Every structure is written in structure tokens, then in C-alpha cells.
PDB file of N, CA and C in Angstrom:
ATOM      1  N   MET A   1     104.554 104.145  94.727  1.00  0.00           N
ATOM      2  CA  MET A   1     105.735 103.691  94.953  1.00  0.00           C
ATOM      3  C   MET A   1     105.915 102.147  94.520  1.00  0.00           C
ATOM      4  N   SER A   2     107.043 101.999  93.796  1.00  0.00           N
ATOM      5  CA  SER A   2     107.354 100.422  93.273  1.00  0.00           C
ATOM      6  C   SER A   2     108.701 100.185  93.582  1.00  0.00           C
ATOM      7  N   SER A   3     109.046  98.953  93.698  1.00  0.00           N
ATOM      8  CA  SER A   3     110.485  98.376  94.138  1.00  0.00           C
ATOM      9  C   SER A   3     110.828  96.972  93.466  1.00  0.00           C
ATOM     10  N   ASP A   4     111.896  96.856  93.006  1.00  0.00           N
ATOM     11  CA  ASP A   4     112.526  95.847  92.694  1.00  0.00           C
ATOM     12  C   ASP A   4     113.295  95.118  93.904  1.00  0.00           C
ATOM     13  N   LEU A   5     113.231  93.774  93.938  1.00  0.00           N
ATOM     14  CA  LEU A   5     113.861  93.244  95.103  1.00  0.00           C
ATOM     15  C   LEU A   5     115.294  93.487  95.035  1.00  0.00           C
ATOM     16  N   GLN A   6     115.996  93.947  96.201  1.00  0.00           N
ATOM     17  CA  GLN A   6     117.408  94.199  96.056  1.00  0.00           C
ATOM     18  C   GLN A   6     118.163  93.154  96.871  1.00  0.00           C
ATOM     19  N   SER A   7     117.851  92.902  98.063  1.00  0.00           N
ATOM     20  CA  SER A   7     118.478  91.808  98.943  1.00  0.00           C
ATOM     21  C   SER A   7     117.374  90.954  99.356  1.00  0.00           C
ATOM     22  N   SER A   8     117.215  89.907  98.730  1.00  0.00           N
ATOM     23  CA  SER A   8     116.457  88.662  99.218  1.00  0.00           C
ATOM     24  C   SER A   8     116.518  88.263 100.599  1.00  0.00           C
ATOM     25  N   ALA A   9     117.580  88.265 101.119  1.00  0.00           N
ATOM     26  CA  ALA A   9     117.674  87.791 102.414  1.00  0.00           C
ATOM     27  C   ALA A   9     117.172  88.767 103.561  1.00  0.00           C
ATOM     28  N   ASN A  10     117.032  90.039 103.328  1.00  0.00           N
ATOM     29  CA  ASN A  10     116.528  90.926 104.060  1.00  0.00           C
ATOM     30  C   ASN A  10     115.005  91.745 103.637  1.00  0.00           C
ATOM     31  N   THR A  11     114.411  90.986 102.713  1.00  0.00           N
ATOM     32  CA  THR A  11     113.101  91.258 102.191  1.00  0.00           C
ATOM     33  C   THR A  11     112.001  90.721 102.394  1.00  0.00           C
ATOM     34  N   LEU A  12     111.089  91.501 102.938  1.00  0.00           N
ATOM     35  CA  LEU A  12     109.679  90.719 103.203  1.00  0.00           C
ATOM     36  C   LEU A  12     108.697  91.479 102.265  1.00  0.00           C
ATOM     37  N   VAL A  13     107.763  90.694 101.829  1.00  0.00           N
ATOM     38  CA  VAL A  13     106.658  90.992 100.899  1.00  0.00           C
ATOM     39  C   VAL A  13     105.363  90.413 101.614  1.00  0.00           C
ATOM     40  N   VAL A  14     104.267  91.373 101.663  1.00  0.00           N
ATOM     41  CA  VAL A  14     103.034  91.259 102.157  1.00  0.00           C
ATOM     42  C   VAL A  14     102.033  91.404 100.969  1.00  0.00           C
ATOM     43  N   ARG A  15     101.395  90.391 100.571  1.00  0.00           N
ATOM     44  CA  ARG A  15     100.712  90.175  99.628  1.00  0.00           C
ATOM     45  C   ARG A  15      99.080  89.877  99.973  1.00  0.00           C
ATOM     46  N   ASN A  16      98.326  90.144  98.935  1.00  0.00           N
ATOM     47  CA  ASN A  16      96.941  89.803  99.009  1.00  0.00           C
ATOM     48  C   ASN A  16      96.205  90.568  99.915  1.00  0.00           C
ATOM     49  N   ILE A  17      96.674  92.135 100.022  1.00  0.00           N
ATOM     50  CA  ILE A  17      96.190  93.112 100.983  1.00  0.00           C
ATOM     51  C   ILE A  17      94.820  93.381 100.488  1.00  0.00           C
ATOM     52  N   GLY A  18      93.813  93.271 101.398  1.00  0.00           N
ATOM     53  CA  GLY A  18      92.438  93.634 101.005  1.00  0.00           C
ATOM     54  C   GLY A  18      92.005  95.264 100.884  1.00  0.00           C
ATOM     55  N   LEU A  19      92.624  95.869 101.866  1.00  0.00           N
ATOM     56  CA  LEU A  19      92.224  97.225 101.861  1.00  0.00           C
ATOM     57  C   LEU A  19      93.545  97.938 102.249  1.00  0.00           C
ATOM     58  N   MET A  20      94.163  98.922 101.594  1.00  0.00           N
ATOM     59  CA  MET A  20      95.393  99.621 102.206  1.00  0.00           C
ATOM     60  C   MET A  20      95.012 101.155 102.456  1.00  0.00           C
ATOM     61  N   LEU A  21      95.216 101.282 103.802  1.00  0.00           N
ATOM     62  CA  LEU A  21      94.932 103.002 104.218  1.00  0.00           C
ATOM     63  C   LEU A  21      96.197 103.562 104.066  1.00  0.00           C
ATOM     64  N   SER A  22      95.970 105.073 103.809  1.00  0.00           N
ATOM     65  CA  SER A  22      97.340 105.770 103.658  1.00  0.00           C
ATOM     66  C   SER A  22      97.765 106.529 104.978  1.00  0.00           C
ATOM     67  N   GLY A  23      96.753 106.752 105.568  1.00  0.00           N
ATOM     68  CA  GLY A  23      96.713 107.837 106.848  1.00  0.00           C
ATOM     69  C   GLY A  23      96.436 109.321 106.389  1.00  0.00           C
ATOM     70  N   ASP A  24      96.205 109.411 105.018  1.00  0.00           N
ATOM     71  CA  ASP A  24      96.030 110.883 104.617  1.00  0.00           C
ATOM     72  C   ASP A  24      94.663 111.066 104.337  1.00  0.00           C
ATOM     73  N   LEU A  25      94.102 111.858 105.166  1.00  0.00           N
ATOM     74  CA  LEU A  25      92.491 112.069 104.964  1.00  0.00           C
ATOM     75  C   LEU A  25      92.107 112.420 103.559  1.00  0.00           C
ATOM     76  N   ALA A  26      92.917 113.093 102.848  1.00  0.00           N
ATOM     77  CA  ALA A  26      92.664 113.727 101.551  1.00  0.00           C
ATOM     78  C   ALA A  26      92.539 112.629 100.584  1.00  0.00           C
ATOM     79  N   GLN A  27      93.559 111.485 100.622  1.00  0.00           N
ATOM     80  CA  GLN A  27      93.428 110.216 100.093  1.00  0.00           C
ATOM     81  C   GLN A  27      93.677 109.093 100.928  1.00  0.00           C
ATOM     82  N   PRO A  28      92.396 108.634 101.585  1.00  0.00           N
ATOM     83  CA  PRO A  28      92.700 107.648 102.675  1.00  0.00           C
ATOM     84  C   PRO A  28      93.023 106.210 101.966  1.00  0.00           C
ATOM     85  N   ILE A  29      92.812 105.920 100.755  1.00  0.00           N
ATOM     86  CA  ILE A  29      92.769 104.662 100.190  1.00  0.00           C
ATOM     87  C   ILE A  29      93.912 104.520  99.194  1.00  0.00           C
ATOM     88  N   ILE A  30      94.632 103.680  99.431  1.00  0.00           N
ATOM     89  CA  ILE A  30      95.968 103.510  98.408  1.00  0.00           C
ATOM     90  C   ILE A  30      95.278 102.227  97.468  1.00  0.00           C
ATOM     91  N   ASP A  31      95.645 102.580  96.056  1.00  0.00           N
ATOM     92  CA  ASP A  31      95.072 101.437  95.096  1.00  0.00           C
ATOM     93  C   ASP A  31      96.240 100.375  95.163  1.00  0.00           C
ATOM     94  N   ALA A  32      96.502  99.501  96.034  1.00  0.00           N
ATOM     95  CA  ALA A  32      97.477  98.497  96.090  1.00  0.00           C
ATOM     96  C   ALA A  32      97.353  97.391  96.614  1.00  0.00           C
ATOM     97  N   ASP A  33      97.928  96.381  96.648  1.00  0.00           N
ATOM     98  CA  ASP A  33      97.646  95.224  97.476  1.00  0.00           C
ATOM     99  C   ASP A  33      98.985  94.383  97.796  1.00  0.00           C
ATOM    100  N   THR A  34     100.012  95.069  97.653  1.00  0.00           N
ATOM    101  CA  THR A  34     101.504  94.615  98.012  1.00  0.00           C
ATOM    102  C   THR A  34     102.169  95.547  98.424  1.00  0.00           C
ATOM    103  N   ILE A  35     103.042  95.130  99.839  1.00  0.00           N
ATOM    104  CA  ILE A  35     104.132  95.745 100.252  1.00  0.00           C
ATOM    105  C   ILE A  35     105.359  95.051 100.506  1.00  0.00           C
ATOM    106  N   VAL A  36     106.394  95.740  99.923  1.00  0.00           N
ATOM    107  CA  VAL A  36     107.628  95.222 100.011  1.00  0.00           C
ATOM    108  C   VAL A  36     108.577  96.048 101.121  1.00  0.00           C
ATOM    109  N   VAL A  37     109.196  95.370 101.831  1.00  0.00           N
ATOM    110  CA  VAL A  37     110.002  95.766 103.000  1.00  0.00           C
ATOM    111  C   VAL A  37     111.378  95.259 102.846  1.00  0.00           C
ATOM    112  N   THR A  38     112.341  96.192 102.826  1.00  0.00           N
ATOM    113  CA  THR A  38     113.774  95.749 102.859  1.00  0.00           C
ATOM    114  C   THR A  38     114.672  96.481 103.881  1.00  0.00           C
ATOM    115  N   ASP A  39     115.227  95.595 104.743  1.00  0.00           N
ATOM    116  CA  ASP A  39     115.877  96.216 105.689  1.00  0.00           C
ATOM    117  C   ASP A  39     115.294  97.009 106.762  1.00  0.00           C
ATOM    118  N   GLY A  40     113.756  96.540 107.035  1.00  0.00           N
ATOM    119  CA  GLY A  40     113.159  97.302 107.846  1.00  0.00           C
ATOM    120  C   GLY A  40     112.481  98.405 107.528  1.00  0.00           C
ATOM    121  N   ARG A  41     112.613  98.739 106.324  1.00  0.00           N
ATOM    122  CA  ARG A  41     112.066 100.151 105.748  1.00  0.00           C
ATOM    123  C   ARG A  41     111.039  99.762 104.297  1.00  0.00           C
ATOM    124  N   ILE A  42     109.902 100.324 104.345  1.00  0.00           N
ATOM    125  CA  ILE A  42     109.143 100.103 103.250  1.00  0.00           C
ATOM    126  C   ILE A  42     109.615 100.635 101.825  1.00  0.00           C
ATOM    127  N   THR A  43     109.999  99.594 101.095  1.00  0.00           N
ATOM    128  CA  THR A  43     110.615 100.125  99.833  1.00  0.00           C
ATOM    129  C   THR A  43     109.830  99.966  98.573  1.00  0.00           C
ATOM    130  N   GLY A  44     108.487  99.358  98.700  1.00  0.00           N
ATOM    131  CA  GLY A  44     107.611  99.288  97.606  1.00  0.00           C
ATOM    132  C   GLY A  44     106.081  99.145  98.096  1.00  0.00           C
ATOM    133  N   ILE A  45     105.119  99.809  97.546  1.00  0.00           N
ATOM    134  CA  ILE A  45     103.933  99.609  97.589  1.00  0.00           C
ATOM    135  C   ILE A  45     103.271  99.703  96.005  1.00  0.00           C
ATOM    136  N   GLY A  46     102.381  98.818  96.044  1.00  0.00           N
ATOM    137  CA  GLY A  46     101.867  98.562  94.698  1.00  0.00           C
ATOM    138  C   GLY A  46     101.038  97.235  94.413  1.00  0.00           C
ATOM    139  N   LYS A  47     100.643  97.229  93.127  1.00  0.00           N
ATOM    140  CA  LYS A  47     100.029  96.009  92.622  1.00  0.00           C
ATOM    141  C   LYS A  47     101.010  94.863  92.563  1.00  0.00           C
ATOM    142  N   ALA A  48     100.641  93.532  92.823  1.00  0.00           N
ATOM    143  CA  ALA A  48     101.341  92.372  92.916  1.00  0.00           C
ATOM    144  C   ALA A  48     101.811  92.311  91.574  1.00  0.00           C
ATOM    145  N   GLY A  49     101.225  92.422  90.424  1.00  0.00           N
ATOM    146  CA  GLY A  49     101.728  92.222  89.155  1.00  0.00           C
ATOM    147  C   GLY A  49     102.689  93.215  88.741  1.00  0.00           C
ATOM    148  N   ASP A  50     102.860  94.339  89.418  1.00  0.00           N
ATOM    149  CA  ASP A  50     104.022  95.244  89.358  1.00  0.00           C
ATOM    150  C   ASP A  50     105.138  95.212  90.432  1.00  0.00           C
ATOM    151  N   ILE A  51     105.129  94.340  91.117  1.00  0.00           N
ATOM    152  CA  ILE A  51     106.248  94.340  91.979  1.00  0.00           C
ATOM    153  C   ILE A  51     106.562  92.753  92.062  1.00  0.00           C
ATOM    154  N   ASP A  52     107.930  92.633  91.964  1.00  0.00           N
ATOM    155  CA  ASP A  52     108.467  91.041  91.894  1.00  0.00           C
ATOM    156  C   ASP A  52     109.174  90.946  93.304  1.00  0.00           C
ATOM    157  N   GLY A  53     108.322  90.161  93.844  1.00  0.00           N
ATOM    158  CA  GLY A  53     108.488  89.632  95.194  1.00  0.00           C
ATOM    159  C   GLY A  53     108.526  88.032  95.322  1.00  0.00           C
ATOM    160  N   GLY A  54     109.010  87.543  94.246  1.00  0.00           N
ATOM    161  CA  GLY A  54     109.274  86.102  94.261  1.00  0.00           C
ATOM    162  C   GLY A  54     110.340  85.524  94.814  1.00  0.00           C
ATOM    163  N   SER A  55     111.613  86.515  95.171  1.00  0.00           N
ATOM    164  CA  SER A  55     112.578  86.014  95.796  1.00  0.00           C
ATOM    165  C   SER A  55     112.754  86.575  97.127  1.00  0.00           C
ATOM    166  N   ALA A  56     111.856  87.017  97.681  1.00  0.00           N
ATOM    167  CA  ALA A  56     112.051  87.653  99.093  1.00  0.00           C
ATOM    168  C   ALA A  56     112.005  86.536 100.197  1.00  0.00           C
ATOM    169  N   ALA A  57     112.789  86.776 101.248  1.00  0.00           N
ATOM    170  CA  ALA A  57     112.934  85.730 102.118  1.00  0.00           C
ATOM    171  C   ALA A  57     111.928  85.485 103.021  1.00  0.00           C
ATOM    172  N   THR A  58     110.950  86.408 103.177  1.00  0.00           N
ATOM    173  CA  THR A  58     109.685  86.171 103.884  1.00  0.00           C
ATOM    174  C   THR A  58     108.541  86.859 103.088  1.00  0.00           C
ATOM    175  N   VAL A  59     107.577  85.786 102.829  1.00  0.00           N
ATOM    176  CA  VAL A  59     106.032  86.391 102.040  1.00  0.00           C
ATOM    177  C   VAL A  59     105.113  86.192 103.028  1.00  0.00           C
ATOM    178  N   ILE A  60     104.286  87.177 103.274  1.00  0.00           N
ATOM    179  CA  ILE A  60     103.053  87.069 104.028  1.00  0.00           C
ATOM    180  C   ILE A  60     101.779  87.454 103.326  1.00  0.00           C
ATOM    181  N   ASP A  61     100.982  86.235 103.317  1.00  0.00           N
ATOM    182  CA  ASP A  61      99.760  86.334 102.899  1.00  0.00           C
ATOM    183  C   ASP A  61      98.792  87.256 103.877  1.00  0.00           C
ATOM    184  N   ALA A  62      98.090  88.290 103.511  1.00  0.00           N
ATOM    185  CA  ALA A  62      97.554  89.097 104.387  1.00  0.00           C
ATOM    186  C   ALA A  62      95.934  88.585 104.197  1.00  0.00           C
ATOM    187  N   MET A  63      95.473  87.604 103.187  1.00  0.00           N
ATOM    188  CA  MET A  63      94.407  86.967 103.106  1.00  0.00           C
ATOM    189  C   MET A  63      93.179  88.209 103.061  1.00  0.00           C
ATOM    190  N   GLY A  64      93.374  88.997 102.607  1.00  0.00           N
ATOM    191  CA  GLY A  64      92.432  90.180 102.161  1.00  0.00           C
ATOM    192  C   GLY A  64      92.189  91.089 103.449  1.00  0.00           C
ATOM    193  N   CYS A  65      92.979  91.075 104.457  1.00  0.00           N
ATOM    194  CA  CYS A  65      92.876  92.113 105.673  1.00  0.00           C
ATOM    195  C   CYS A  65      93.399  93.244 104.960  1.00  0.00           C
ATOM    196  N   ALA A  66      92.974  94.493 106.157  1.00  0.00           N
ATOM    197  CA  ALA A  66      93.051  95.713 105.852  1.00  0.00           C
ATOM    198  C   ALA A  66      94.537  96.092 106.576  1.00  0.00           C
ATOM    199  N   VAL A  67      95.532  96.961 105.956  1.00  0.00           N
ATOM    200  CA  VAL A  67      96.689  97.300 106.417  1.00  0.00           C
ATOM    201  C   VAL A  67      96.538  98.732 106.690  1.00  0.00           C
ATOM    202  N   ALA A  68      97.093  99.343 107.582  1.00  0.00           N
ATOM    203  CA  ALA A  68      97.002 100.717 108.100  1.00  0.00           C
ATOM    204  C   ALA A  68      98.275 101.051 108.792  1.00  0.00           C
ATOM    205  N   PRO A  69      98.744 102.376 108.373  1.00  0.00           N
ATOM    206  CA  PRO A  69     100.063 102.852 108.923  1.00  0.00           C
ATOM    207  C   PRO A  69     100.028 103.324 110.502  1.00  0.00           C
ATOM    208  N   GLY A  70     101.141 102.898 110.917  1.00  0.00           N
ATOM    209  CA  GLY A  70     101.272 104.028 112.378  1.00  0.00           C
ATOM    210  C   GLY A  70     100.511 103.731 113.526  1.00  0.00           C
ATOM    211  N   LEU A  71      99.621 102.692 113.610  1.00  0.00           N
ATOM    212  CA  LEU A  71      98.922 102.328 114.640  1.00  0.00           C
ATOM    213  C   LEU A  71      99.496 101.720 115.803  1.00  0.00           C
ATOM    214  N   ILE A  72      99.718 102.635 116.964  1.00  0.00           N
ATOM    215  CA  ILE A  72     100.404 102.196 118.088  1.00  0.00           C
ATOM    216  C   ILE A  72      99.731 102.617 119.266  1.00  0.00           C
ATOM    217  N   ASP A  73      99.862 101.973 120.585  1.00  0.00           N
ATOM    218  CA  ASP A  73      99.256 102.355 121.761  1.00  0.00           C
ATOM    219  C   ASP A  73     100.291 103.025 122.407  1.00  0.00           C
ATOM    220  N   ASN A  74     100.398 104.197 122.595  1.00  0.00           N
ATOM    221  CA  ASN A  74     101.368 104.973 123.262  1.00  0.00           C
ATOM    222  C   ASN A  74     100.845 105.560 124.515  1.00  0.00           C
ATOM    223  N   HIS A  75      99.758 104.872 125.183  1.00  0.00           N
ATOM    224  CA  HIS A  75      99.289 105.401 126.255  1.00  0.00           C
ATOM    225  C   HIS A  75      99.530 104.348 127.359  1.00  0.00           C
ATOM    226  N   ALA A  76      99.990 104.691 128.515  1.00  0.00           N
ATOM    227  CA  ALA A  76     100.274 103.533 129.478  1.00  0.00           C
ATOM    228  C   ALA A  76     100.160 104.251 131.006  1.00  0.00           C
ATOM    229  N   HIS A  77      99.786 103.280 132.021  1.00  0.00           N
ATOM    230  CA  HIS A  77      99.466 103.707 133.162  1.00  0.00           C
ATOM    231  C   HIS A  77     100.710 102.992 133.889  1.00  0.00           C
ATOM    232  N   PRO A  78     101.588 103.819 134.807  1.00  0.00           N
ATOM    233  CA  PRO A  78     102.837 103.113 135.325  1.00  0.00           C
ATOM    234  C   PRO A  78     102.544 102.112 136.566  1.00  0.00           C
ATOM    235  N   VAL A  79     101.468 102.357 137.111  1.00  0.00           N
ATOM    236  CA  VAL A  79     101.105 101.452 138.185  1.00  0.00           C
ATOM    237  C   VAL A  79      99.422 101.165 138.223  1.00  0.00           C
ATOM    238  N   ALA A  80      99.177 100.087 138.971  1.00  0.00           N
ATOM    239  CA  ALA A  80      97.625  99.903 138.970  1.00  0.00           C
ATOM    240  C   ALA A  80      97.333  99.707 140.619  1.00  0.00           C
ATOM    241  N   GLY A  81      97.450 100.935 141.205  1.00  0.00           N
ATOM    242  CA  GLY A  81      97.192 100.721 142.715  1.00  0.00           C
ATOM    243  C   GLY A  81      98.262 101.511 143.349  1.00  0.00           C
ATOM    244  N   ASP A  82      98.568 101.270 144.678  1.00  0.00           N
ATOM    245  CA  ASP A  82      99.557 102.190 145.336  1.00  0.00           C
ATOM    246  C   ASP A  82     100.778 102.100 144.914  1.00  0.00           C
ATOM    247  N   TRP A  83     101.422 103.221 145.171  1.00  0.00           N
ATOM    248  CA  TRP A  83     102.706 103.529 144.688  1.00  0.00           C
ATOM    249  C   TRP A  83     103.653 102.909 145.850  1.00  0.00           C
ATOM    250  N   THR A  84     104.773 101.923 145.189  1.00  0.00           N
ATOM    251  CA  THR A  84     105.748 101.590 146.243  1.00  0.00           C
ATOM    252  C   THR A  84     107.081 101.764 145.525  1.00  0.00           C
ATOM    253  N   PRO A  85     108.116 101.772 146.467  1.00  0.00           N
ATOM    254  CA  PRO A  85     109.617 101.849 146.066  1.00  0.00           C
ATOM    255  C   PRO A  85     109.923 101.044 144.990  1.00  0.00           C
ATOM    256  N   ARG A  86     109.504  99.721 145.044  1.00  0.00           N
ATOM    257  CA  ARG A  86     109.819  98.847 144.059  1.00  0.00           C
ATOM    258  C   ARG A  86     109.351  99.196 142.532  1.00  0.00           C
ATOM    259  N   GLN A  87     108.373  99.785 142.519  1.00  0.00           N
ATOM    260  CA  GLN A  87     107.726 100.218 141.265  1.00  0.00           C
ATOM    261  C   GLN A  87     108.458 101.271 140.488  1.00  0.00           C
ATOM    262  N   ASN A  88     109.607 101.858 141.339  1.00  0.00           N
ATOM    263  CA  ASN A  88     110.418 103.196 140.810  1.00  0.00           C
ATOM    264  C   ASN A  88     111.837 102.597 140.606  1.00  0.00           C
ATOM    265  N   GLN A  89     112.097 101.289 140.170  1.00  0.00           N
ATOM    266  CA  GLN A  89     113.584 100.582 140.296  1.00  0.00           C
ATOM    267  C   GLN A  89     114.304 101.366 139.215  1.00  0.00           C
ATOM    268  N   ILE A  90     113.557 101.969 138.113  1.00  0.00           N
ATOM    269  CA  ILE A  90     114.367 102.518 137.144  1.00  0.00           C
ATOM    270  C   ILE A  90     114.242 103.920 136.922  1.00  0.00           C
ATOM    271  N   GLY A  91     113.678 104.530 137.966  1.00  0.00           N
ATOM    272  CA  GLY A  91     113.673 106.094 138.241  1.00  0.00           C
ATOM    273  C   GLY A  91     113.073 106.887 137.155  1.00  0.00           C
ATOM    274  N   TRP A  92     112.250 106.220 136.330  1.00  0.00           N
ATOM    275  CA  TRP A  92     111.463 106.980 135.357  1.00  0.00           C
ATOM    276  C   TRP A  92     110.428 107.877 135.769  1.00  0.00           C
ATOM    277  N   MET A  93     110.013 107.825 136.985  1.00  0.00           N
ATOM    278  CA  MET A  93     108.832 108.748 137.408  1.00  0.00           C
ATOM    279  C   MET A  93     109.297 109.167 138.904  1.00  0.00           C
ATOM    280  N   ASP A  94     109.526 110.757 138.808  1.00  0.00           N
ATOM    281  CA  ASP A  94     109.850 111.335 140.074  1.00  0.00           C
ATOM    282  C   ASP A  94     108.756 112.602 140.153  1.00  0.00           C
ATOM    283  N   SER A  95     108.550 112.905 141.337  1.00  0.00           N
ATOM    284  CA  SER A  95     107.826 114.076 141.588  1.00  0.00           C
ATOM    285  C   SER A  95     108.665 114.974 142.595  1.00  0.00           C
ATOM    286  N   THR A  96     108.551 116.620 142.496  1.00  0.00           N
ATOM    287  CA  THR A  96     109.139 117.345 143.446  1.00  0.00           C
ATOM    288  C   THR A  96     108.115 117.974 144.330  1.00  0.00           C
TER     289      THR A  96
END
């Protein structure tokens, strides 16, 4: 995937990525070192020489770090101790 910069004011470029993981077990590593994000969406992945990122509003130097997709912590505990009415202020946990 490659991209030319369309709107430099809304464009972020991450360069110098050491290892880019795809999330696909069949092909876990992407041969790329640059990501372009425009308006909050990934619009380009490739080698720095193939992607023009010079006019991006923000450029991040990954300094050889690894990049992996979609790692979030979706596990949470609502309370750490006894349940009190104050902890139910937004009514997100009910029992019957």
C-alpha cells in the first residue's frame, strides 16, 4: 500500500520503523518502514523512498521500534473492593 500526501494539515507520517507486524499469521512481517495516516486513517504503508512524507503536518521518528496493529486492553474490573451505590453512578452494571 502506498500513498501520496493529500492534505498535509491532517497528515501524520511515522518513519524509521524497525519491524512492522501485520497481524496476519500467514505473513506476520510487512516489508515497510513508513506509515502515512490521513484524517485518522492509514492511507499508506511502504518504504520511505516510495512514500512522499515531506509535507506532513506531523512526522514521528520511530527510532527503529516495532509497530503492531490493534493492540488494546479491553479487559477491565469495575471495582476493586466492595460494591457501593456511588460506583453505580452511570448505571452500567446491573444484576437481577
